[in-house]
Amino acid sequence: LAESLDIALPALGAVFSFYVVFQSLSQFPAGWWRDRRGPRLLMFLAAL
């Protein structure tokens, strides 16, 4: 990816941190919804 975009590899270092942040913080609203409404609509959204 770094080679294709012609950028230095360290510039991608924060991508993994962003992944962890969004993967983690998305779970509370998803969990709140799931405890009350079930998993189906959430899973369609996750697929997209």
All heavy atoms as atom14 arrays in JSON, in Angstrom:
{
  "sequence": "LAESLDIALPALGAVFSFYVVFQSLSQFPAGWWRDRRGPRLLMFLAAL",
  "atom14_mask": [
    [1, 1, 1, 1, 1, 1, 1, 1, 0, 0, 0, 0, 0, 0],
    [1, 1, 1, 1, 1, 0, 0, 0, 0, 0, 0, 0, 0, 0],
    [1, 1, 1, 1, 1, 1, 1, 1, 1, 0, 0, 0, 0, 0],
    [1, 1, 1, 1, 1, 1, 0, 0, 0, 0, 0, 0, 0, 0],
    [1, 1, 1, 1, 1, 1, 1, 1, 0, 0, 0, 0, 0, 0],
    [1, 1, 1, 1, 1, 1, 1, 1, 0, 0, 0, 0, 0, 0],
    [1, 1, 1, 1, 1, 1, 1, 1, 0, 0, 0, 0, 0, 0],
    [1, 1, 1, 1, 1, 0, 0, 0, 0, 0, 0, 0, 0, 0],
    [1, 1, 1, 1, 1, 1, 1, 1, 0, 0, 0, 0, 0, 0],
    [1, 1, 1, 1, 1, 1, 1, 0, 0, 0, 0, 0, 0, 0],
    [1, 1, 1, 1, 1, 0, 0, 0, 0, 0, 0, 0, 0, 0],
    [1, 1, 1, 1, 1, 1, 1, 1, 0, 0, 0, 0, 0, 0],
    [1, 1, 1, 1, 0, 0, 0, 0, 0, 0, 0, 0, 0, 0],
    [1, 1, 1, 1, 1, 0, 0, 0, 0, 0, 0, 0, 0, 0],
    [1, 1, 1, 1, 1, 1, 1, 0, 0, 0, 0, 0, 0, 0],
    [1, 1, 1, 1, 1, 1, 1, 1, 1, 1, 1, 0, 0, 0],
    [1, 1, 1, 1, 1, 1, 0, 0, 0, 0, 0, 0, 0, 0],
    [1, 1, 1, 1, 1, 1, 1, 1, 1, 1, 1, 0, 0, 0],
    [1, 1, 1, 1, 1, 1, 1, 1, 1, 1, 1, 1, 0, 0],
    [1, 1, 1, 1, 1, 1, 1, 0, 0, 0, 0, 0, 0, 0],
    [1, 1, 1, 1, 1, 1, 1, 0, 0, 0, 0, 0, 0, 0],
    [1, 1, 1, 1, 1, 1, 1, 1, 1, 1, 1, 0, 0, 0],
    [1, 1, 1, 1, 1, 1, 1, 1, 1, 0, 0, 0, 0, 0],
    [1, 1, 1, 1, 1, 1, 0, 0, 0, 0, 0, 0, 0, 0],
    [1, 1, 1, 1, 1, 1, 1, 1, 0, 0, 0, 0, 0, 0],
    [1, 1, 1, 1, 1, 1, 0, 0, 0, 0, 0, 0, 0, 0],
    [1, 1, 1, 1, 1, 1, 1, 1, 1, 0, 0, 0, 0, 0],
    [1, 1, 1, 1, 1, 1, 1, 1, 1, 1, 1, 0, 0, 0],
    [1, 1, 1, 1, 1, 1, 1, 0, 0, 0, 0, 0, 0, 0],
    [1, 1, 1, 1, 1, 0, 0, 0, 0, 0, 0, 0, 0, 0],
    [1, 1, 1, 1, 0, 0, 0, 0, 0, 0, 0, 0, 0, 0],
    [1, 1, 1, 1, 1, 1, 1, 1, 1, 1, 1, 1, 1, 1],
    [1, 1, 1, 1, 1, 1, 1, 1, 1, 1, 1, 1, 1, 1],
    [1, 1, 1, 1, 1, 1, 1, 1, 1, 1, 1, 0, 0, 0],
    [1, 1, 1, 1, 1, 1, 1, 1, 0, 0, 0, 0, 0, 0],
    [1, 1, 1, 1, 1, 1, 1, 1, 1, 1, 1, 0, 0, 0],
    [1, 1, 1, 1, 1, 1, 1, 1, 1, 1, 1, 0, 0, 0],
    [1, 1, 1, 1, 0, 0, 0, 0, 0, 0, 0, 0, 0, 0],
    [1, 1, 1, 1, 1, 1, 1, 0, 0, 0, 0, 0, 0, 0],
    [1, 1, 1, 1, 1, 1, 1, 1, 1, 1, 1, 0, 0, 0],
    [1, 1, 1, 1, 1, 1, 1, 1, 0, 0, 0, 0, 0, 0],
    [1, 1, 1, 1, 1, 1, 1, 1, 0, 0, 0, 0, 0, 0],
    [1, 1, 1, 1, 1, 1, 1, 1, 0, 0, 0, 0, 0, 0],
    [1, 1, 1, 1, 1, 1, 1, 1, 1, 1, 1, 0, 0, 0],
    [1, 1, 1, 1, 1, 1, 1, 1, 0, 0, 0, 0, 0, 0],
    [1, 1, 1, 1, 1, 0, 0, 0, 0, 0, 0, 0, 0, 0],
    [1, 1, 1, 1, 1, 0, 0, 0, 0, 0, 0, 0, 0, 0],
    [1, 1, 1, 1, 1, 1, 1, 1, 0, 0, 0, 0, 0, 0]
  ],
  "atom14_positions": [
    [[0.83, -1.2, 0.0], [0.0, 0.0, 0.0], [0.87, 1.26, 0.0], [0.61, 2.21, -0.74], [-0.93, 0.0, 1.22], [-2.14, -0.93, 1.15], [-2.85, -0.97, 2.5], [-3.11, -0.47, 0.08], [0.0, 0.0, 0.0], [0.0, 0.0, 0.0], [0.0, 0.0, 0.0], [0.0, 0.0, 0.0], [0.0, 0.0, 0.0], [0.0, 0.0, 0.0]],
    [[1.89, 1.26, 0.84], [2.79, 2.41, 0.9], [3.5, 2.62, -0.43], [3.64, 3.75, -0.92], [3.81, 2.22, 2.03], [0.0, 0.0, 0.0], [0.0, 0.0, 0.0], [0.0, 0.0, 0.0], [0.0, 0.0, 0.0], [0.0, 0.0, 0.0], [0.0, 0.0, 0.0], [0.0, 0.0, 0.0], [0.0, 0.0, 0.0], [0.0, 0.0, 0.0]],
    [[3.94, 1.52, -1.05], [4.63, 1.62, -2.34], [3.68, 2.12, -3.42], [4.04, 2.95, -4.26], [5.2, 0.26, -2.72], [6.05, 0.29, -3.98], [6.65, -1.07, -4.3], [6.52, -1.99, -3.46], [7.24, -1.21, -5.4], [0.0, 0.0, 0.0], [0.0, 0.0, 0.0], [0.0, 0.0, 0.0], [0.0, 0.0, 0.0], [0.0, 0.0, 0.0]],
    [[2.45, 1.62, -3.42], [1.48, 2.01, -4.43], [1.11, 3.49, -4.31], [0.96, 4.18, -5.31], [0.22, 1.16, -4.31], [-0.79, 1.62, -5.17], [0.0, 0.0, 0.0], [0.0, 0.0, 0.0], [0.0, 0.0, 0.0], [0.0, 0.0, 0.0], [0.0, 0.0, 0.0], [0.0, 0.0, 0.0], [0.0, 0.0, 0.0], [0.0, 0.0, 0.0]],
    [[0.96, 3.97, -3.07], [0.59, 5.36, -2.85], [1.8, 6.29, -2.86], [1.64, 7.5, -2.7], [-0.15, 5.49, -1.53], [-1.48, 4.72, -1.43], [-2.07, 4.84, -0.03], [-2.47, 5.23, -2.46], [0.0, 0.0, 0.0], [0.0, 0.0, 0.0], [0.0, 0.0, 0.0], [0.0, 0.0, 0.0], [0.0, 0.0, 0.0], [0.0, 0.0, 0.0]],
    [[3.0, 5.7, -2.99], [4.25, 6.47, -3.04], [4.42, 7.35, -1.8], [4.68, 8.55, -1.88], [4.29, 7.34, -4.31], [5.69, 7.91, -4.56], [6.67, 7.29, -4.08], [5.79, 8.97, -5.21], [0.0, 0.0, 0.0], [0.0, 0.0, 0.0], [0.0, 0.0, 0.0], [0.0, 0.0, 0.0], [0.0, 0.0, 0.0], [0.0, 0.0, 0.0]],
    [[4.25, 6.71, -0.64], [4.45, 7.41, 0.62], [5.37, 6.57, 1.49], [5.54, 5.37, 1.28], [3.12, 7.66, 1.37], [2.41, 6.33, 1.66], [2.21, 8.58, 0.59], [1.17, 6.48, 2.49], [0.0, 0.0, 0.0], [0.0, 0.0, 0.0], [0.0, 0.0, 0.0], [0.0, 0.0, 0.0], [0.0, 0.0, 0.0], [0.0, 0.0, 0.0]],
    [[5.99, 7.24, 2.46], [6.88, 6.53, 3.37], [6.07, 5.6, 4.27], [4.96, 5.94, 4.71], [7.67, 7.53, 4.22], [0.0, 0.0, 0.0], [0.0, 0.0, 0.0], [0.0, 0.0, 0.0], [0.0, 0.0, 0.0], [0.0, 0.0, 0.0], [0.0, 0.0, 0.0], [0.0, 0.0, 0.0], [0.0, 0.0, 0.0], [0.0, 0.0, 0.0]],
    [[6.61, 4.42, 4.55], [5.91, 3.43, 5.37], [5.51, 3.98, 6.74], [4.39, 3.69, 7.21], [6.79, 2.18, 5.52], [6.11, 0.95, 6.13], [4.92, 0.51, 5.29], [7.12, -0.2, 6.24], [0.0, 0.0, 0.0], [0.0, 0.0, 0.0], [0.0, 0.0, 0.0], [0.0, 0.0, 0.0], [0.0, 0.0, 0.0], [0.0, 0.0, 0.0]],
    [[6.37, 4.77, 7.43], [5.95, 5.29, 8.74], [4.67, 6.13, 8.69], [3.96, 6.25, 9.7], [7.15, 6.14, 9.18], [8.31, 5.51, 8.48], [7.78, 5.09, 7.14], [0.0, 0.0, 0.0], [0.0, 0.0, 0.0], [0.0, 0.0, 0.0], [0.0, 0.0, 0.0], [0.0, 0.0, 0.0], [0.0, 0.0, 0.0], [0.0, 0.0, 0.0]],
    [[4.35, 6.69, 7.5], [3.13, 7.5, 7.4], [1.88, 6.66, 7.57], [0.79, 7.19, 7.85], [3.09, 8.21, 6.04], [0.0, 0.0, 0.0], [0.0, 0.0, 0.0], [0.0, 0.0, 0.0], [0.0, 0.0, 0.0], [0.0, 0.0, 0.0], [0.0, 0.0, 0.0], [0.0, 0.0, 0.0], [0.0, 0.0, 0.0], [0.0, 0.0, 0.0]],
    [[2.01, 5.35, 7.41], [0.86, 4.45, 7.59], [0.77, 3.91, 9.02], [-0.14, 3.14, 9.33], [0.95, 3.26, 6.61], [0.85, 3.59, 5.12], [0.88, 2.31, 4.3], [-0.41, 4.38, 4.83], [0.0, 0.0, 0.0], [0.0, 0.0, 0.0], [0.0, 0.0, 0.0], [0.0, 0.0, 0.0], [0.0, 0.0, 0.0], [0.0, 0.0, 0.0]],
    [[1.71, 4.3, 9.85], [1.75, 3.75, 11.2], [0.48, 3.99, 11.99], [0.06, 3.15, 12.79], [0.0, 0.0, 0.0], [0.0, 0.0, 0.0], [0.0, 0.0, 0.0], [0.0, 0.0, 0.0], [0.0, 0.0, 0.0], [0.0, 0.0, 0.0], [0.0, 0.0, 0.0], [0.0, 0.0, 0.0], [0.0, 0.0, 0.0], [0.0, 0.0, 0.0]],
    [[-0.16, 5.13, 11.77], [-1.36, 5.46, 12.54], [-2.61, 4.76, 12.01], [-3.64, 4.78, 12.68], [-1.58, 6.97, 12.53], [0.0, 0.0, 0.0], [0.0, 0.0, 0.0], [0.0, 0.0, 0.0], [0.0, 0.0, 0.0], [0.0, 0.0, 0.0], [0.0, 0.0, 0.0], [0.0, 0.0, 0.0], [0.0, 0.0, 0.0], [0.0, 0.0, 0.0]],
    [[-2.53, 4.13, 10.84], [-3.7, 3.44, 10.3], [-4.15, 2.34, 11.26], [-5.35, 2.18, 11.54], [-3.41, 2.84, 8.9], [-4.57, 1.96, 8.44], [-3.16, 3.94, 7.9], [0.0, 0.0, 0.0], [0.0, 0.0, 0.0], [0.0, 0.0, 0.0], [0.0, 0.0, 0.0], [0.0, 0.0, 0.0], [0.0, 0.0, 0.0], [0.0, 0.0, 0.0]],
    [[-3.2, 1.59, 11.78], [-3.55, 0.5, 12.7], [-4.14, 1.07, 13.99], [-5.08, 0.49, 14.55], [-2.31, -0.34, 13.0], [-2.63, -1.66, 13.67], [-3.11, -2.72, 12.94], [-2.45, -1.82, 15.04], [-3.41, -3.94, 13.56], [-2.75, -3.02, 15.67], [-3.24, -4.08, 14.91], [0.0, 0.0, 0.0], [0.0, 0.0, 0.0], [0.0, 0.0, 0.0]],
    [[-3.62, 2.19, 14.45], [-4.18, 2.82, 15.64], [-5.62, 3.28, 15.38], [-6.5, 3.12, 16.23], [-3.32, 4.01, 16.08], [-2.06, 3.57, 16.53], [0.0, 0.0, 0.0], [0.0, 0.0, 0.0], [0.0, 0.0, 0.0], [0.0, 0.0, 0.0], [0.0, 0.0, 0.0], [0.0, 0.0, 0.0], [0.0, 0.0, 0.0], [0.0, 0.0, 0.0]],
    [[-5.85, 3.86, 14.19], [-7.21, 4.28, 13.83], [-8.14, 3.07, 13.78], [-9.3, 3.14, 14.21], [-7.22, 4.99, 12.48], [-7.04, 6.47, 12.58], [-5.79, 7.02, 12.82], [-8.12, 7.32, 12.44], [-5.61, 8.38, 12.92], [-7.96, 8.69, 12.54], [-6.7, 9.23, 12.78], [0.0, 0.0, 0.0], [0.0, 0.0, 0.0], [0.0, 0.0, 0.0]],
    [[-7.64, 1.97, 13.23], [-8.44, 0.74, 13.19], [-8.87, 0.34, 14.59], [-10.05, 0.04, 14.84], [-7.65, -0.4, 12.55], [-8.15, -1.76, 12.95], [-9.3, -2.3, 12.39], [-7.49, -2.5, 13.95], [-9.79, -3.53, 12.8], [-7.97, -3.73, 14.36], [-9.11, -4.25, 13.79], [-9.59, -5.46, 14.21], [0.0, 0.0, 0.0], [0.0, 0.0, 0.0]],
    [[-7.93, 0.31, 15.52], [-8.24, -0.12, 16.88], [-9.24, 0.84, 17.53], [-10.18, 0.41, 18.21], [-6.95, -0.22, 17.73], [-7.29, -0.51, 19.18], [-6.05, -1.3, 17.17], [0.0, 0.0, 0.0], [0.0, 0.0, 0.0], [0.0, 0.0, 0.0], [0.0, 0.0, 0.0], [0.0, 0.0, 0.0], [0.0, 0.0, 0.0], [0.0, 0.0, 0.0]],
    [[-9.07, 2.14, 17.32], [-9.98, 3.13, 17.91], [-11.4, 2.91, 17.41], [-12.35, 2.81, 18.21], [-9.51, 4.56, 17.59], [-10.59, 5.57, 17.97], [-8.21, 4.87, 18.33], [0.0, 0.0, 0.0], [0.0, 0.0, 0.0], [0.0, 0.0, 0.0], [0.0, 0.0, 0.0], [0.0, 0.0, 0.0], [0.0, 0.0, 0.0], [0.0, 0.0, 0.0]],
    [[-11.59, 2.83, 16.09], [-12.94, 2.7, 15.55], [-13.53, 1.31, 15.81], [-14.73, 1.19, 16.06], [-12.93, 3.01, 14.05], [-12.88, 4.47, 13.74], [-11.66, 5.1, 13.5], [-14.04, 5.22, 13.72], [-11.61, 6.46, 13.24], [-14.0, 6.59, 13.46], [-12.78, 7.21, 13.22], [0.0, 0.0, 0.0], [0.0, 0.0, 0.0], [0.0, 0.0, 0.0]],
    [[-12.69, 0.29, 15.78], [-13.19, -1.06, 16.08], [-13.65, -1.16, 17.52], [-14.63, -1.82, 17.84], [-12.09, -2.1, 15.8], [-12.59, -3.53, 15.85], [-12.0, -4.31, 17.02], [-11.24, -3.77, 17.82], [-12.36, -5.57, 17.12], [0.0, 0.0, 0.0], [0.0, 0.0, 0.0], [0.0, 0.0, 0.0], [0.0, 0.0, 0.0], [0.0, 0.0, 0.0]],
    [[-12.97, -0.47, 18.41], [-13.3, -0.53, 19.83], [-14.49, 0.35, 20.18], [-15.44, -0.1, 20.84], [-12.08, -0.11, 20.66], [-10.97, -0.93, 20.38], [0.0, 0.0, 0.0], [0.0, 0.0, 0.0], [0.0, 0.0, 0.0], [0.0, 0.0, 0.0], [0.0, 0.0, 0.0], [0.0, 0.0, 0.0], [0.0, 0.0, 0.0], [0.0, 0.0, 0.0]],
    [[-14.47, 1.61, 19.73], [-15.5, 2.56, 20.12], [-16.85, 2.25, 19.48], [-17.89, 2.65, 20.01], [-15.07, 3.99, 19.79], [-13.84, 4.5, 20.53], [-13.58, 5.96, 20.19], [-13.99, 4.34, 22.05], [0.0, 0.0, 0.0], [0.0, 0.0, 0.0], [0.0, 0.0, 0.0], [0.0, 0.0, 0.0], [0.0, 0.0, 0.0], [0.0, 0.0, 0.0]],
    [[-16.84, 1.56, 18.36], [-18.11, 1.2, 17.71], [-18.88, 0.15, 18.5], [-20.09, -0.02, 18.3], [-17.85, 0.69, 16.29], [-17.1, -0.51, 16.32], [0.0, 0.0, 0.0], [0.0, 0.0, 0.0], [0.0, 0.0, 0.0], [0.0, 0.0, 0.0], [0.0, 0.0, 0.0], [0.0, 0.0, 0.0], [0.0, 0.0, 0.0], [0.0, 0.0, 0.0]],
    [[-18.22, -0.53, 19.41], [-18.87, -1.65, 20.07], [-19.9, -1.24, 21.12], [-20.87, -1.97, 21.34], [-17.81, -2.57, 20.7], [-16.98, -3.28, 19.66], [-16.21, -4.45, 20.23], [-16.69, -5.17, 21.09], [-15.0, -4.64, 19.75], [0.0, 0.0, 0.0], [0.0, 0.0, 0.0], [0.0, 0.0, 0.0], [0.0, 0.0, 0.0], [0.0, 0.0, 0.0]],
    [[-19.72, -0.07, 21.74], [-20.72, 0.29, 22.75], [-22.08, 0.57, 22.13], [-23.09, 0.0, 22.57], [-20.27, 1.47, 23.6], [-21.29, 1.85, 24.63], [-21.52, 1.03, 25.73], [-22.07, 2.99, 24.48], [-22.49, 1.36, 26.67], [-23.04, 3.32, 25.42], [-23.24, 2.51, 26.51], [0.0, 0.0, 0.0], [0.0, 0.0, 0.0], [0.0, 0.0, 0.0]],
    [[-22.19, 1.46, 21.12], [-23.52, 1.65, 20.52], [-24.06, 0.37, 19.9], [-25.26, 0.1, 19.97], [-23.29, 2.75, 19.47], [-21.82, 2.79, 19.24], [-21.19, 2.37, 20.53], [0.0, 0.0, 0.0], [0.0, 0.0, 0.0], [0.0, 0.0, 0.0], [0.0, 0.0, 0.0], [0.0, 0.0, 0.0], [0.0, 0.0, 0.0], [0.0, 0.0, 0.0]],
    [[-23.18, -0.43, 19.3], [-23.63, -1.7, 18.73], [-24.13, -2.64, 19.82], [-25.17, -3.31, 19.67], [-22.5, -2.36, 17.95], [0.0, 0.0, 0.0], [0.0, 0.0, 0.0], [0.0, 0.0, 0.0], [0.0, 0.0, 0.0], [0.0, 0.0, 0.0], [0.0, 0.0, 0.0], [0.0, 0.0, 0.0], [0.0, 0.0, 0.0], [0.0, 0.0, 0.0]],
    [[-23.41, -2.71, 20.94], [-23.82, -3.56, 22.04], [-25.12, -3.1, 22.68], [-25.98, -3.92, 23.03], [0.0, 0.0, 0.0], [0.0, 0.0, 0.0], [0.0, 0.0, 0.0], [0.0, 0.0, 0.0], [0.0, 0.0, 0.0], [0.0, 0.0, 0.0], [0.0, 0.0, 0.0], [0.0, 0.0, 0.0], [0.0, 0.0, 0.0], [0.0, 0.0, 0.0]],
    [[-25.26, -1.77, 22.83], [-26.5, -1.22, 23.39], [-27.69, -1.61, 22.52], [-28.73, -2.05, 23.01], [-26.38, 0.29, 23.49], [-27.56, 0.95, 24.16], [-27.68, 1.26, 25.49], [-28.78, 1.37, 23.54], [-28.89, 1.85, 25.73], [-29.59, 1.93, 24.55], [-29.26, 1.34, 22.24], [-30.86, 2.44, 24.3], [-30.52, 1.83, 21.97], [-31.31, 2.39, 22.98]],
    [[-27.54, -1.45, 21.21], [-28.61, -1.79, 20.28], [-28.91, -3.29, 20.34], [-30.06, -3.71, 20.38], [-28.22, -1.37, 18.87], [-29.24, -1.76, 17.81], [-29.4, -2.99, 17.22], [-30.25, -0.92, 17.25], [-30.43, -2.96, 16.32], [-30.97, -1.71, 16.31], [-30.6, 0.42, 17.43], [-32.02, -1.18, 15.56], [-31.65, 0.93, 16.67], [-32.35, 0.14, 15.77]],
    [[-27.87, -4.1, 20.33], [-28.05, -5.54, 20.29], [-28.76, -6.06, 21.54], [-29.62, -6.95, 21.45], [-26.69, -6.21, 20.15], [-26.75, -7.71, 19.86], [-26.68, -8.55, 21.11], [-26.78, -9.96, 20.82], [-25.76, -10.72, 20.46], [-24.55, -10.2, 20.37], [-25.95, -12.01, 20.21], [0.0, 0.0, 0.0], [0.0, 0.0, 0.0], [0.0, 0.0, 0.0]],
    [[-28.42, -5.53, 22.72], [-29.07, -5.98, 23.95], [-30.57, -5.69, 23.93], [-31.34, -6.37, 24.61], [-28.45, -5.27, 25.17], [-27.13, -5.9, 25.6], [-26.9, -7.07, 25.26], [-26.34, -5.2, 26.25], [0.0, 0.0, 0.0], [0.0, 0.0, 0.0], [0.0, 0.0, 0.0], [0.0, 0.0, 0.0], [0.0, 0.0, 0.0], [0.0, 0.0, 0.0]],
    [[-31.0, -4.71, 23.14], [-32.4, -4.29, 23.13], [-33.15, -4.67, 21.85], [-34.36, -4.86, 21.88], [-32.47, -2.78, 23.34], [-32.02, -2.38, 24.75], [-31.56, -0.95, 24.83], [-31.19, -0.6, 26.21], [-30.01, -0.9, 26.75], [-29.1, -1.54, 26.03], [-29.74, -0.57, 28.0], [0.0, 0.0, 0.0], [0.0, 0.0, 0.0], [0.0, 0.0, 0.0]],
    [[-32.43, -4.78, 20.71], [-33.11, -5.0, 19.43], [-32.66, -6.26, 18.71], [-33.21, -6.59, 17.65], [-32.88, -3.79, 18.52], [-33.29, -2.45, 19.11], [-34.79, -2.32, 19.22], [-35.18, -1.03, 19.77], [-35.31, 0.1, 19.06], [-35.1, 0.06, 17.76], [-35.66, 1.22, 19.65], [0.0, 0.0, 0.0], [0.0, 0.0, 0.0], [0.0, 0.0, 0.0]],
    [[-31.63, -6.93, 19.2], [-31.15, -8.12, 18.52], [-30.06, -7.81, 17.5], [-29.75, -6.65, 17.22], [0.0, 0.0, 0.0], [0.0, 0.0, 0.0], [0.0, 0.0, 0.0], [0.0, 0.0, 0.0], [0.0, 0.0, 0.0], [0.0, 0.0, 0.0], [0.0, 0.0, 0.0], [0.0, 0.0, 0.0], [0.0, 0.0, 0.0], [0.0, 0.0, 0.0]],
    [[-29.47, -8.85, 16.89], [-28.27, -8.66, 16.06], [-28.49, -8.46, 14.57], [-27.56, -8.08, 13.87], [-27.52, -9.97, 16.3], [-28.62, -10.98, 16.47], [-29.73, -10.26, 17.19], [0.0, 0.0, 0.0], [0.0, 0.0, 0.0], [0.0, 0.0, 0.0], [0.0, 0.0, 0.0], [0.0, 0.0, 0.0], [0.0, 0.0, 0.0], [0.0, 0.0, 0.0]],
    [[-29.69, -8.71, 14.03], [-29.83, -8.85, 12.59], [-29.49, -7.59, 11.79], [-28.66, -7.61, 10.88], [-31.24, -9.33, 12.24], [-31.46, -9.56, 10.76], [-32.58, -10.53, 10.5], [-32.25, -11.85, 11.01], [-33.07, -12.89, 10.91], [-34.26, -12.75, 10.35], [-32.71, -14.06, 11.4], [0.0, 0.0, 0.0], [0.0, 0.0, 0.0], [0.0, 0.0, 0.0]],
    [[-30.13, -6.45, 12.11], [-29.86, -5.23, 11.37], [-28.39, -4.8, 11.51], [-27.79, -4.3, 10.55], [-30.78, -4.11, 11.84], [-32.25, -4.24, 11.44], [-33.06, -3.08, 12.02], [-32.4, -4.25, 9.92], [0.0, 0.0, 0.0], [0.0, 0.0, 0.0], [0.0, 0.0, 0.0], [0.0, 0.0, 0.0], [0.0, 0.0, 0.0], [0.0, 0.0, 0.0]],
    [[-27.84, -5.0, 12.69], [-26.43, -4.68, 12.9], [-25.53, -5.46, 11.96], [-24.55, -4.92, 11.43], [-26.04, -4.98, 14.35], [-26.48, -3.99, 15.42], [-26.18, -4.55, 16.8], [-25.8, -2.65, 15.24], [0.0, 0.0, 0.0], [0.0, 0.0, 0.0], [0.0, 0.0, 0.0], [0.0, 0.0, 0.0], [0.0, 0.0, 0.0], [0.0, 0.0, 0.0]],
    [[-25.86, -6.73, 11.75], [-25.0, -7.57, 10.92], [-25.08, -7.17, 9.45], [-24.09, -7.26, 8.71], [-25.36, -9.04, 11.1], [-24.98, -9.58, 12.47], [-23.27, -9.19, 12.93], [-22.39, -9.84, 11.52], [0.0, 0.0, 0.0], [0.0, 0.0, 0.0], [0.0, 0.0, 0.0], [0.0, 0.0, 0.0], [0.0, 0.0, 0.0], [0.0, 0.0, 0.0]],
    [[-26.24, -6.73, 8.98], [-26.33, -6.24, 7.61], [-25.46, -5.0, 7.43], [-24.76, -4.83, 6.43], [-27.78, -5.92, 7.25], [-28.6, -7.13, 6.88], [-29.7, -7.49, 7.64], [-28.27, -7.91, 5.79], [-30.45, -8.61, 7.32], [-29.01, -9.04, 5.46], [-30.11, -9.38, 6.22], [0.0, 0.0, 0.0], [0.0, 0.0, 0.0], [0.0, 0.0, 0.0]],
    [[-25.49, -4.1, 8.41], [-24.65, -2.9, 8.36], [-23.17, -3.29, 8.39], [-22.35, -2.73, 7.64], [-24.98, -1.99, 9.55], [-24.12, -0.73, 9.7], [-24.25, 0.17, 8.48], [-24.49, 0.02, 10.98], [0.0, 0.0, 0.0], [0.0, 0.0, 0.0], [0.0, 0.0, 0.0], [0.0, 0.0, 0.0], [0.0, 0.0, 0.0], [0.0, 0.0, 0.0]],
    [[-22.8, -4.23, 9.25], [-21.41, -4.67, 9.34], [-20.93, -5.26, 8.03], [-19.77, -5.04, 7.63], [-21.26, -5.7, 10.47], [0.0, 0.0, 0.0], [0.0, 0.0, 0.0], [0.0, 0.0, 0.0], [0.0, 0.0, 0.0], [0.0, 0.0, 0.0], [0.0, 0.0, 0.0], [0.0, 0.0, 0.0], [0.0, 0.0, 0.0], [0.0, 0.0, 0.0]],
    [[-21.79, -5.99, 7.33], [-21.4, -6.59, 6.05], [-21.03, -5.51, 5.05], [-20.02, -5.62, 4.33], [-22.55, -7.45, 5.52], [0.0, 0.0, 0.0], [0.0, 0.0, 0.0], [0.0, 0.0, 0.0], [0.0, 0.0, 0.0], [0.0, 0.0, 0.0], [0.0, 0.0, 0.0], [0.0, 0.0, 0.0], [0.0, 0.0, 0.0], [0.0, 0.0, 0.0]],
    [[-21.82, -4.44, 4.99], [-21.55, -3.36, 4.05], [-20.27, -2.62, 4.4], [-19.46, -2.29, 3.52], [-22.73, -2.39, 4.02], [-24.05, -2.95, 3.5], [-25.16, -1.9, 3.62], [-23.91, -3.4, 2.05], [0.0, 0.0, 0.0], [0.0, 0.0, 0.0], [0.0, 0.0, 0.0], [0.0, 0.0, 0.0], [0.0, 0.0, 0.0], [0.0, 0.0, 0.0]]
  ]
}
